[in-house]
């Protein structure tokens, strides 16, 4: 059975297609509009992998709504949106992938994410 991935922003179809080999995917429908916090909290309830952008806060509150979450991946140059202490406390993994819309980086990110999610 494939792991469940939630993407907090609408990604281009060619990226989502690559991920479908590894995951059952759901994603926010908007490219330019940040997912509202309450919708993000609801979306993480059954996902095992969460892919966020810099605009999405990953903190203790979000992690408490995600009992099955194993990996948080961040499409950003920095990680100011991720509470690293909360990730460590809850034993979640976190990765970041800047420039992921470059095809090489995208493929590498998919591979790395798949390897890190038991």
Protein backbone atom coordinates (compact mmCIF):
# COMPACT_ATOMS: atom_id res chain seq x y z
CA UNK A 1 0.00 0.00 0.00
CA UNK A 2 1.28 3.48 -0.88
CA UNK A 3 1.97 6.04 1.80
CA UNK A 4 -0.25 9.14 1.94
CA UNK A 5 1.34 12.44 0.95
CA UNK A 6 -0.26 15.83 1.36
CA UNK A 7 1.21 18.72 -0.62
CA UNK A 8 0.34 22.11 0.86
CA UNK A 9 0.47 23.92 -2.50
CA UNK A 10 -0.63 22.96 -5.99
CA UNK A 11 2.44 21.63 -7.79
CA UNK A 12 2.85 21.26 -11.55
CA UNK A 13 1.36 18.04 -12.92
CA UNK A 14 4.72 16.65 -14.06
CA UNK A 15 6.01 16.77 -10.47
CA UNK A 16 2.91 15.15 -9.01
CA UNK A 17 3.07 12.42 -11.67
CA UNK A 18 6.59 11.50 -10.54
CA UNK A 19 5.44 11.27 -6.94
CA UNK A 20 2.45 9.05 -7.75
CA UNK A 21 4.77 6.09 -8.18
CA UNK A 22 5.50 6.25 -4.46
CA UNK A 23 2.50 7.94 -2.83
CA UNK A 24 -1.24 8.35 -2.70
CA UNK A 25 -1.34 12.12 -3.18
CA UNK A 26 -3.68 14.88 -2.18
CA UNK A 27 -2.82 18.53 -2.48
CA UNK A 28 -4.14 22.03 -1.91
CA UNK A 29 -5.78 23.28 -5.10
CA UNK A 30 -4.14 26.70 -5.24
CA UNK A 31 -0.70 27.68 -6.54
CA UNK A 32 -0.66 31.26 -5.28
CA UNK A 33 -2.86 31.11 -2.19
CA UNK A 34 -1.53 29.67 1.07
CA UNK A 35 -3.68 26.90 2.52
CA UNK A 36 -5.67 28.17 5.50
CA UNK A 37 -4.35 26.82 8.79
CA UNK A 38 -7.56 24.99 9.72
CA UNK A 39 -7.57 23.18 6.36
CA UNK A 40 -3.92 22.22 6.77
CA UNK A 41 -4.60 20.83 10.24
CA UNK A 42 -7.47 18.75 8.84
CA UNK A 43 -5.40 17.57 5.86
CA UNK A 44 -2.57 16.18 7.98
CA UNK A 45 -4.87 13.93 10.01
CA UNK A 46 -4.18 10.84 7.91
CA UNK A 47 -1.04 11.66 5.94
CA UNK A 48 2.36 10.05 6.50
CA UNK A 49 4.34 12.61 4.49
CA UNK A 50 3.73 16.35 4.41
CA UNK A 51 5.30 18.67 1.83
CA UNK A 52 5.05 22.31 2.84
CA UNK A 53 6.31 25.66 1.61
CA UNK A 54 7.85 28.48 3.63
CA UNK A 55 4.37 29.96 4.21
CA UNK A 56 3.16 26.84 6.07
CA UNK A 57 3.98 26.63 9.78
CA UNK A 58 4.96 23.20 11.08
CA UNK A 59 4.80 23.30 14.86
CA UNK A 60 3.61 21.29 17.85
CA UNK A 61 -0.02 22.08 17.08
CA UNK A 62 0.24 20.73 13.53
CA UNK A 63 2.19 17.66 14.65
CA UNK A 64 -0.46 16.91 17.28
CA UNK A 65 -3.05 16.75 14.46
CA UNK A 66 -0.93 14.29 12.46
CA UNK A 67 -0.70 10.97 14.31
CA UNK A 68 0.56 9.04 11.25
CA UNK A 69 3.08 11.64 10.07
CA UNK A 70 6.61 10.33 9.54
CA UNK A 71 8.25 12.95 7.35
CA UNK A 72 7.94 16.68 6.75
CA UNK A 73 9.59 18.04 3.66
CA UNK A 74 9.96 21.75 2.99
CA UNK A 75 10.12 23.47 -0.40
CA UNK A 76 12.10 26.50 0.75
CA UNK A 77 15.58 27.90 1.02
CA UNK A 78 15.28 28.22 4.80
CA UNK A 79 13.34 26.41 7.48
CA UNK A 80 12.01 29.25 9.65
CA UNK A 81 8.55 27.76 9.21
CA UNK A 82 9.51 24.49 10.88
CA UNK A 83 9.85 24.07 14.63
CA UNK A 84 12.84 21.73 14.62
CA UNK A 85 12.60 21.14 18.38
CA UNK A 86 9.00 19.97 17.97
CA UNK A 87 10.07 17.60 15.17
CA UNK A 88 12.82 16.12 17.35
CA UNK A 89 10.49 15.88 20.34
CA UNK A 90 7.92 13.93 18.34
CA UNK A 91 10.59 11.92 16.45
CA UNK A 92 9.52 13.14 13.02
CA UNK A 93 11.97 13.55 10.19
CA UNK A 94 12.40 16.81 8.34
CA UNK A 95 14.07 17.65 5.02
CA UNK A 96 14.18 20.70 2.80
CA UNK A 97 14.48 20.98 -0.95
CA UNK A 98 15.15 24.36 -2.46
CA UNK A 99 14.89 24.70 -6.22
CA UNK A 100 12.82 21.55 -6.53
CA UNK A 101 11.23 22.53 -9.80
CA UNK A 102 14.55 21.76 -11.43
CA UNK A 103 13.96 18.19 -12.70
CA UNK A 104 17.18 16.74 -11.25
CA UNK A 105 16.42 18.19 -7.83
CA UNK A 106 12.84 16.98 -8.06
CA UNK A 107 13.86 13.41 -8.84
CA UNK A 108 16.47 13.45 -6.08
CA UNK A 109 13.92 14.86 -3.63
CA UNK A 110 11.42 12.14 -4.46
CA UNK A 111 14.06 9.46 -4.02
CA UNK A 112 15.28 10.92 -0.73
CA UNK A 113 11.76 11.32 0.59
CA UNK A 114 10.85 7.74 -0.34
CA UNK A 115 13.98 6.41 1.36
CA UNK A 116 13.34 8.37 4.55
CA UNK A 117 9.76 7.30 5.05
CA UNK A 118 9.68 3.81 6.61
